[in-house]
Amino acid sequence: MKVQIIDDGKITIPLEIRQRLGLREGDELLFSLEGNEVRLRPVKRRRLSEFRGALPTTVAYPGKDAIRRQVAKTLATDTEQS
């Protein structure tokens, strides 16, 4: 596919390519030079939830309430020591 460079070096990525790669407005692309050729690759931002289960756990999840209690306790201790 052929595209034309316009003001300030801007190009339009053809719809077919954007759809196939799942590109949307605001997505980032990585440009790399390989000899006399340019390669474009999408830089996908990943949501934190996509990393769930990526690492083995060392401690069982105690639940939100237990975590909140521990954070409150830690903050109270830090405040008292200040």
PDB file of N, CA and C in Angstrom:
ATOM      1  N   MET A   1       0.835  -1.170   0.000  1.00  0.00           N
ATOM      2  CA  MET A   1       0.000   0.000   0.000  1.00  0.00           C
ATOM      3  C   MET A   1       0.878   1.231   0.000  1.00  0.00           C
ATOM      4  N   LYS A   2       0.438   2.226  -0.680  1.00  0.00           N
ATOM      5  CA  LYS A   2       1.204   3.452  -0.813  1.00  0.00           C
ATOM      6  C   LYS A   2       0.472   4.581  -0.092  1.00  0.00           C
ATOM      7  N   VAL A   3       1.219   5.367   0.696  1.00  0.00           N
ATOM      8  CA  VAL A   3       0.653   6.539   1.367  1.00  0.00           C
ATOM      9  C   VAL A   3       1.531   7.738   1.057  1.00  0.00           C
ATOM     10  N   GLN A   4       1.002   8.926   1.322  1.00  0.00           N
ATOM     11  CA  GLN A   4       1.728  10.158   1.029  1.00  0.00           C
ATOM     12  C   GLN A   4       2.038  10.890   2.326  1.00  0.00           C
ATOM     13  N   ILE A   5       3.231  11.436   2.398  1.00  0.00           N
ATOM     14  CA  ILE A   5       3.616  12.241   3.557  1.00  0.00           C
ATOM     15  C   ILE A   5       3.008  13.631   3.381  1.00  0.00           C
ATOM     16  N   ILE A   6       2.354  14.143   4.457  1.00  0.00           N
ATOM     17  CA  ILE A   6       1.762  15.488   4.415  1.00  0.00           C
ATOM     18  C   ILE A   6       2.488  16.383   5.410  1.00  0.00           C
ATOM     19  N   ASP A   7       1.885  17.531   5.746  1.00  0.00           N
ATOM     20  CA  ASP A   7       2.501  18.501   6.660  1.00  0.00           C
ATOM     21  C   ASP A   7       3.188  17.851   7.843  1.00  0.00           C
ATOM     22  N   ASP A   8       4.337  18.397   8.195  1.00  0.00           N
ATOM     23  CA  ASP A   8       5.089  17.968   9.379  1.00  0.00           C
ATOM     24  C   ASP A   8       5.422  16.479   9.383  1.00  0.00           C
ATOM     25  N   GLY A   9       5.503  15.837   8.218  1.00  0.00           N
ATOM     26  CA  GLY A   9       5.898  14.432   8.138  1.00  0.00           C
ATOM     27  C   GLY A   9       4.805  13.448   8.523  1.00  0.00           C
ATOM     28  N   LYS A  10       3.563  13.870   8.561  1.00  0.00           N
ATOM     29  CA  LYS A  10       2.458  12.993   8.956  1.00  0.00           C
ATOM     30  C   LYS A  10       2.067  12.063   7.817  1.00  0.00           C
ATOM     31  N   ILE A  11       1.659  10.856   8.190  1.00  0.00           N
ATOM     32  CA  ILE A  11       1.124   9.898   7.222  1.00  0.00           C
ATOM     33  C   ILE A  11      -0.181   9.335   7.773  1.00  0.00           C
ATOM     34  N   THR A  12      -1.005   8.786   6.903  1.00  0.00           N
ATOM     35  CA  THR A  12      -2.224   8.105   7.330  1.00  0.00           C
ATOM     36  C   THR A  12      -2.004   6.623   7.137  1.00  0.00           C
ATOM     37  N   ILE A  13      -2.187   5.860   8.197  1.00  0.00           N
ATOM     38  CA  ILE A  13      -2.059   4.409   8.104  1.00  0.00           C
ATOM     39  C   ILE A  13      -3.372   3.884   7.536  1.00  0.00           C
ATOM     40  N   PRO A  14      -3.306   3.119   6.463  1.00  0.00           N
ATOM     41  CA  PRO A  14      -4.532   2.629   5.835  1.00  0.00           C
ATOM     42  C   PRO A  14      -5.436   1.868   6.815  1.00  0.00           C
ATOM     43  N   LEU A  15      -6.735   2.028   6.642  1.00  0.00           N
ATOM     44  CA  LEU A  15      -7.737   1.425   7.514  1.00  0.00           C
ATOM     45  C   LEU A  15      -7.532  -0.072   7.676  1.00  0.00           C
ATOM     46  N   GLU A  16      -7.271  -0.773   6.594  1.00  0.00           N
ATOM     47  CA  GLU A  16      -7.085  -2.228   6.649  1.00  0.00           C
ATOM     48  C   GLU A  16      -5.965  -2.615   7.617  1.00  0.00           C
ATOM     49  N   ILE A  17      -4.876  -1.862   7.592  1.00  0.00           N
ATOM     50  CA  ILE A  17      -3.747  -2.147   8.487  1.00  0.00           C
ATOM     51  C   ILE A  17      -4.110  -1.807   9.926  1.00  0.00           C
ATOM     52  N   ARG A  18      -4.769  -0.647  10.133  1.00  0.00           N
ATOM     53  CA  ARG A  18      -5.179  -0.264  11.494  1.00  0.00           C
ATOM     54  C   ARG A  18      -6.108  -1.308  12.091  1.00  0.00           C
ATOM     55  N   GLN A  19      -7.064  -1.795  11.292  1.00  0.00           N
ATOM     56  CA  GLN A  19      -8.006  -2.799  11.789  1.00  0.00           C
ATOM     57  C   GLN A  19      -7.289  -4.107  12.111  1.00  0.00           C
ATOM     58  N   ARG A  20      -6.420  -4.530  11.220  1.00  0.00           N
ATOM     59  CA  ARG A  20      -5.742  -5.814  11.415  1.00  0.00           C
ATOM     60  C   ARG A  20      -4.852  -5.804  12.655  1.00  0.00           C
ATOM     61  N   LEU A  21      -4.222  -4.652  12.924  1.00  0.00           N
ATOM     62  CA  LEU A  21      -3.353  -4.539  14.093  1.00  0.00           C
ATOM     63  C   LEU A  21      -4.080  -4.037  15.337  1.00  0.00           C
ATOM     64  N   GLY A  22      -5.355  -3.697  15.175  1.00  0.00           N
ATOM     65  CA  GLY A  22      -6.134  -3.203  16.320  1.00  0.00           C
ATOM     66  C   GLY A  22      -5.669  -1.832  16.791  1.00  0.00           C
ATOM     67  N   LEU A  23      -5.187  -1.014  15.861  1.00  0.00           N
ATOM     68  CA  LEU A  23      -4.696   0.317  16.220  1.00  0.00           C
ATOM     69  C   LEU A  23      -5.848   1.300  16.361  1.00  0.00           C
ATOM     70  N   ARG A  24      -5.745   2.153  17.384  1.00  0.00           N
ATOM     71  CA  ARG A  24      -6.746   3.194  17.601  1.00  0.00           C
ATOM     72  C   ARG A  24      -6.044   4.520  17.824  1.00  0.00           C
ATOM     73  N   GLU A  25      -6.801   5.590  17.786  1.00  0.00           N
ATOM     74  CA  GLU A  25      -6.247   6.916  18.027  1.00  0.00           C
ATOM     75  C   GLU A  25      -5.555   6.929  19.388  1.00  0.00           C
ATOM     76  N   GLY A  26      -4.362   7.486  19.408  1.00  0.00           N
ATOM     77  CA  GLY A  26      -3.597   7.563  20.651  1.00  0.00           C
ATOM     78  C   GLY A  26      -2.613   6.424  20.838  1.00  0.00           C
ATOM     79  N   ASP A  27      -2.749   5.334  20.068  1.00  0.00           N
ATOM     80  CA  ASP A  27      -1.794   4.229  20.164  1.00  0.00           C
ATOM     81  C   ASP A  27      -0.425   4.707  19.701  1.00  0.00           C
ATOM     82  N   GLU A  28       0.606   4.070  20.208  1.00  0.00           N
ATOM     83  CA  GLU A  28       1.965   4.438  19.831  1.00  0.00           C
ATOM     84  C   GLU A  28       2.543   3.414  18.870  1.00  0.00           C
ATOM     85  N   LEU A  29       3.423   3.895  17.975  1.00  0.00           N
ATOM     86  CA  LEU A  29       4.114   3.044  17.021  1.00  0.00           C
ATOM     87  C   LEU A  29       5.608   3.210  17.214  1.00  0.00           C
ATOM     88  N   LEU A  30       6.332   2.129  17.046  1.00  0.00           N
ATOM     89  CA  LEU A  30       7.778   2.154  17.136  1.00  0.00           C
ATOM     90  C   LEU A  30       8.350   2.093  15.726  1.00  0.00           C
ATOM     91  N   PHE A  31       9.144   3.100  15.355  1.00  0.00           N
ATOM     92  CA  PHE A  31       9.811   3.135  14.060  1.00  0.00           C
ATOM     93  C   PHE A  31      11.218   2.590  14.240  1.00  0.00           C
ATOM     94  N   SER A  32      11.667   1.739  13.323  1.00  0.00           N
ATOM     95  CA  SER A  32      13.061   1.307  13.337  1.00  0.00           C
ATOM     96  C   SER A  32      13.581   1.272  11.907  1.00  0.00           C
ATOM     97  N   LEU A  33      14.848   1.627  11.757  1.00  0.00           N
ATOM     98  CA  LEU A  33      15.497   1.622  10.452  1.00  0.00           C
ATOM     99  C   LEU A  33      16.255   0.313  10.290  1.00  0.00           C
ATOM    100  N   GLU A  34      16.025  -0.362   9.187  1.00  0.00           N
ATOM    101  CA  GLU A  34      16.746  -1.590   8.866  1.00  0.00           C
ATOM    102  C   GLU A  34      17.309  -1.421   7.464  1.00  0.00           C
ATOM    103  N   GLY A  35      18.570  -0.988   7.392  1.00  0.00           N
ATOM    104  CA  GLY A  35      19.161  -0.666   6.105  1.00  0.00           C
ATOM    105  C   GLY A  35      18.476   0.567   5.543  1.00  0.00           C
ATOM    106  N   ASN A  36      17.895   0.436   4.351  1.00  0.00           N
ATOM    107  CA  ASN A  36      17.159   1.540   3.736  1.00  0.00           C
ATOM    108  C   ASN A  36      15.657   1.371   3.899  1.00  0.00           C
ATOM    109  N   GLU A  37      15.234   0.511   4.799  1.00  0.00           N
ATOM    110  CA  GLU A  37      13.812   0.267   5.021  1.00  0.00           C
ATOM    111  C   GLU A  37      13.403   0.708   6.419  1.00  0.00           C
ATOM    112  N   VAL A  38      12.155   1.091   6.534  1.00  0.00           N
ATOM    113  CA  VAL A  38      11.584   1.494   7.820  1.00  0.00           C
ATOM    114  C   VAL A  38      10.593   0.426   8.247  1.00  0.00           C
ATOM    115  N   ARG A  39      10.674   0.029   9.499  1.00  0.00           N
ATOM    116  CA  ARG A  39       9.723  -0.944  10.046  1.00  0.00           C
ATOM    117  C   ARG A  39       8.906  -0.243  11.119  1.00  0.00           C
ATOM    118  N   LEU A  40       7.597  -0.436  11.070  1.00  0.00           N
ATOM    119  CA  LEU A  40       6.679   0.109  12.073  1.00  0.00           C
ATOM    120  C   LEU A  40       6.119  -1.037  12.895  1.00  0.00           C
ATOM    121  N   ARG A  41       6.138  -0.872  14.214  1.00  0.00           N
ATOM    122  CA  ARG A  41       5.535  -1.878  15.087  1.00  0.00           C
ATOM    123  C   ARG A  41       4.676  -1.179  16.124  1.00  0.00           C
ATOM    124  N   PRO A  42       3.504  -1.721  16.391  1.00  0.00           N
ATOM    125  CA  PRO A  42       2.665  -1.109  17.432  1.00  0.00           C
ATOM    126  C   PRO A  42       3.263  -1.352  18.806  1.00  0.00           C
ATOM    127  N   VAL A  43       3.151  -0.355  19.663  1.00  0.00           N
ATOM    128  CA  VAL A  43       3.554  -0.479  21.058  1.00  0.00           C
ATOM    129  C   VAL A  43       2.253  -0.552  21.836  1.00  0.00           C
ATOM    130  N   LYS A  44       1.892  -1.732  22.236  1.00  0.00           N
ATOM    131  CA  LYS A  44       0.619  -1.926  22.922  1.00  0.00           C
ATOM    132  C   LYS A  44       0.777  -1.684  24.415  1.00  0.00           C
ATOM    133  N   ARG A  45      -0.088  -0.839  24.939  1.00  0.00           N
ATOM    134  CA  ARG A  45      -0.142  -0.649  26.383  1.00  0.00           C
ATOM    135  C   ARG A  45      -0.954  -1.792  26.956  1.00  0.00           C
ATOM    136  N   ARG A  46      -0.487  -2.332  28.045  1.00  0.00           N
ATOM    137  CA  ARG A  46      -1.194  -3.447  28.647  1.00  0.00           C
ATOM    138  C   ARG A  46      -1.817  -3.012  29.958  1.00  0.00           C
ATOM    139  N   ARG A  47      -2.986  -3.515  30.201  1.00  0.00           N
ATOM    140  CA  ARG A  47      -3.664  -3.221  31.460  1.00  0.00           C
ATOM    141  C   ARG A  47      -3.050  -4.078  32.561  1.00  0.00           C
ATOM    142  N   LEU A  48      -3.073  -3.546  33.748  1.00  0.00           N
ATOM    143  CA  LEU A  48      -2.527  -4.273  34.886  1.00  0.00           C
ATOM    144  C   LEU A  48      -3.211  -5.626  35.045  1.00  0.00           C
ATOM    145  N   SER A  49      -4.500  -5.689  34.759  1.00  0.00           N
ATOM    146  CA  SER A  49      -5.243  -6.944  34.912  1.00  0.00           C
ATOM    147  C   SER A  49      -4.723  -8.039  33.974  1.00  0.00           C
ATOM    148  N   GLU A  50      -4.057  -7.652  32.877  1.00  0.00           N
ATOM    149  CA  GLU A  50      -3.511  -8.652  31.959  1.00  0.00           C
ATOM    150  C   GLU A  50      -2.332  -9.413  32.564  1.00  0.00           C
ATOM    151  N   PHE A  51      -1.739  -8.863  33.625  1.00  0.00           N
ATOM    152  CA  PHE A  51      -0.595  -9.505  34.256  1.00  0.00           C
ATOM    153  C   PHE A  51      -0.995 -10.463  35.375  1.00  0.00           C
ATOM    154  N   ARG A  52      -2.291 -10.512  35.670  1.00  0.00           N
ATOM    155  CA  ARG A  52      -2.772 -11.387  36.743  1.00  0.00           C
ATOM    156  C   ARG A  52      -2.364 -12.828  36.450  1.00  0.00           C
ATOM    157  N   GLY A  53      -1.729 -13.449  37.424  1.00  0.00           N
ATOM    158  CA  GLY A  53      -1.320 -14.838  37.271  1.00  0.00           C
ATOM    159  C   GLY A  53       0.021 -15.015  36.570  1.00  0.00           C
ATOM    160  N   ALA A  54       0.681 -13.923  36.214  1.00  0.00           N
ATOM    161  CA  ALA A  54       1.954 -14.026  35.501  1.00  0.00           C
ATOM    162  C   ALA A  54       3.080 -14.545  36.396  1.00  0.00           C
ATOM    163  N   LEU A  55       2.995 -14.253  37.681  1.00  0.00           N
ATOM    164  CA  LEU A  55       4.023 -14.695  38.620  1.00  0.00           C
ATOM    165  C   LEU A  55       3.411 -15.610  39.669  1.00  0.00           C
ATOM    166  N   PRO A  56       4.178 -16.583  40.126  1.00  0.00           N
ATOM    167  CA  PRO A  56       3.639 -17.464  41.170  1.00  0.00           C
ATOM    168  C   PRO A  56       3.510 -16.702  42.493  1.00  0.00           C
ATOM    169  N   THR A  57       2.507 -17.039  43.259  1.00  0.00           N
ATOM    170  CA  THR A  57       2.317 -16.365  44.545  1.00  0.00           C
ATOM    171  C   THR A  57       3.139 -17.072  45.620  1.00  0.00           C
ATOM    172  N   THR A  58       3.589 -16.304  46.582  1.00  0.00           N
ATOM    173  CA  THR A  58       4.338 -16.884  47.703  1.00  0.00           C
ATOM    174  C   THR A  58       3.483 -16.893  48.967  1.00  0.00           C
ATOM    175  N   VAL A  59       2.415 -16.076  48.938  1.00  0.00           N
ATOM    176  CA  VAL A  59       1.509 -15.986  50.083  1.00  0.00           C
ATOM    177  C   VAL A  59       0.086 -15.986  49.537  1.00  0.00           C
ATOM    178  N   ALA A  60      -0.789 -16.690  50.192  1.00  0.00           N
ATOM    179  CA  ALA A  60      -2.186 -16.710  49.759  1.00  0.00           C
ATOM    180  C   ALA A  60      -2.798 -15.315  49.882  1.00  0.00           C
ATOM    181  N   TYR A  61      -3.674 -14.961  48.963  1.00  0.00           N
ATOM    182  CA  TYR A  61      -4.338 -13.656  48.972  1.00  0.00           C
ATOM    183  C   TYR A  61      -5.270 -13.584  50.173  1.00  0.00           C
ATOM    184  N   PRO A  62      -5.036 -12.616  51.076  1.00  0.00           N
ATOM    185  CA  PRO A  62      -5.844 -12.552  52.297  1.00  0.00           C
ATOM    186  C   PRO A  62      -7.197 -11.858  52.127  1.00  0.00           C
ATOM    187  N   GLY A  63      -7.414 -11.213  50.999  1.00  0.00           N
ATOM    188  CA  GLY A  63      -8.657 -10.493  50.775  1.00  0.00           C
ATOM    189  C   GLY A  63      -8.469  -9.000  50.964  1.00  0.00           C
ATOM    190  N   LYS A  64      -9.377  -8.227  50.345  1.00  0.00           N
ATOM    191  CA  LYS A  64      -9.272  -6.762  50.374  1.00  0.00           C
ATOM    192  C   LYS A  64      -9.339  -6.204  51.792  1.00  0.00           C
ATOM    193  N   ASP A  65     -10.242  -6.743  52.599  1.00  0.00           N
ATOM    194  CA  ASP A  65     -10.412  -6.193  53.950  1.00  0.00           C
ATOM    195  C   ASP A  65      -9.145  -6.359  54.784  1.00  0.00           C
ATOM    196  N   ALA A  66      -8.512  -7.509  54.687  1.00  0.00           N
ATOM    197  CA  ALA A  66      -7.279  -7.742  55.444  1.00  0.00           C
ATOM    198  C   ALA A  66      -6.169  -6.815  54.958  1.00  0.00           C
ATOM    199  N   ILE A  67      -6.100  -6.599  53.666  1.00  0.00           N
ATOM    200  CA  ILE A  67      -5.085  -5.698  53.115  1.00  0.00           C
ATOM    201  C   ILE A  67      -5.343  -4.275  53.580  1.00  0.00           C
ATOM    202  N   ARG A  68      -6.596  -3.843  53.551  1.00  0.00           N
ATOM    203  CA  ARG A  68      -6.937  -2.492  54.007  1.00  0.00           C
ATOM    204  C   ARG A  68      -6.586  -2.298  55.482  1.00  0.00           C
ATOM    205  N   ARG A  69      -6.865  -3.316  56.299  1.00  0.00           N
ATOM    206  CA  ARG A  69      -6.528  -3.226  57.726  1.00  0.00           C
ATOM    207  C   ARG A  69      -5.015  -3.079  57.912  1.00  0.00           C
ATOM    208  N   GLN A  70      -4.250  -3.861  57.149  1.00  0.00           N
ATOM    209  CA  GLN A  70      -2.789  -3.804  57.261  1.00  0.00           C
ATOM    210  C   GLN A  70      -2.249  -2.454  56.800  1.00  0.00           C
ATOM    211  N   VAL A  71      -2.799  -1.916  55.726  1.00  0.00           N
ATOM    212  CA  VAL A  71      -2.362  -0.598  55.234  1.00  0.00           C
ATOM    213  C   VAL A  71      -2.685   0.466  56.280  1.00  0.00           C
ATOM    214  N   ALA A  72      -3.879   0.437  56.828  1.00  0.00           N
ATOM    215  CA  ALA A  72      -4.269   1.409  57.865  1.00  0.00           C
ATOM    216  C   ALA A  72      -3.341   1.315  59.064  1.00  0.00           C
ATOM    217  N   LYS A  73      -3.025   0.096  59.470  1.00  0.00           N
ATOM    218  CA  LYS A  73      -2.143  -0.127  60.621  1.00  0.00           C
ATOM    219  C   LYS A  73      -0.739   0.439  60.329  1.00  0.00           C
ATOM    220  N   THR A  74      -0.247   0.162  59.128  1.00  0.00           N
ATOM    221  CA  THR A  74       1.074   0.649  58.730  1.00  0.00           C
ATOM    222  C   THR A  74       1.099   2.176  58.667  1.00  0.00           C
ATOM    223  N   LEU A  75       0.076   2.765  58.095  1.00  0.00           N
ATOM    224  CA  LEU A  75       0.000   4.222  58.009  1.00  0.00           C
ATOM    225  C   LEU A  75      -0.076   4.853  59.410  1.00  0.00           C
ATOM    226  N   ALA A  76      -0.827   4.238  60.291  1.00  0.00           N
ATOM    227  CA  ALA A  76      -0.940   4.761  61.649  1.00  0.00           C
ATOM    228  C   ALA A  76       0.422   4.697  62.363  1.00  0.00           C
ATOM    229  N   THR A  77       1.143   3.608  62.164  1.00  0.00           N
ATOM    230  CA  THR A  77       2.470   3.452  62.771  1.00  0.00           C
ATOM    231  C   THR A  77       3.439   4.469  62.207  1.00  0.00           C
ATOM    232  N   ASP A  78       3.395   4.683  60.887  1.00  0.00           N
ATOM    233  CA  ASP A  78       4.284   5.650  60.243  1.00  0.00           C
ATOM    234  C   ASP A  78       3.989   7.068  60.736  1.00  0.00           C
ATOM    235  N   THR A  79       2.715   7.388  60.921  1.00  0.00           N
ATOM    236  CA  THR A  79       2.298   8.711  61.375  1.00  0.00           C
ATOM    237  C   THR A  79       2.767   8.947  62.811  1.00  0.00           C
ATOM    238  N   GLU A  80       2.674   7.923  63.670  1.00  0.00           N
ATOM    239  CA  GLU A  80       3.088   8.044  65.057  1.00  0.00           C
ATOM    240  C   GLU A  80       4.587   8.268  65.168  1.00  0.00           C
ATOM    241  N   GLN A  81       5.362   7.658  64.264  1.00  0.00           N
ATOM    242  CA  GLN A  81       6.814   7.772  64.321  1.00  0.00           C
ATOM    243  C   GLN A  81       7.305   9.097  63.745  1.00  0.00           C
ATOM    244  N   SER A  82       6.476   9.819  62.999  1.00  0.00           N
ATOM    245  CA  SER A  82       6.896  11.083  62.381  1.00  0.00           C
ATOM    246  C   SER A  82       6.933  12.226  63.343  1.00  0.00           C
TER     247      SER A  82
END
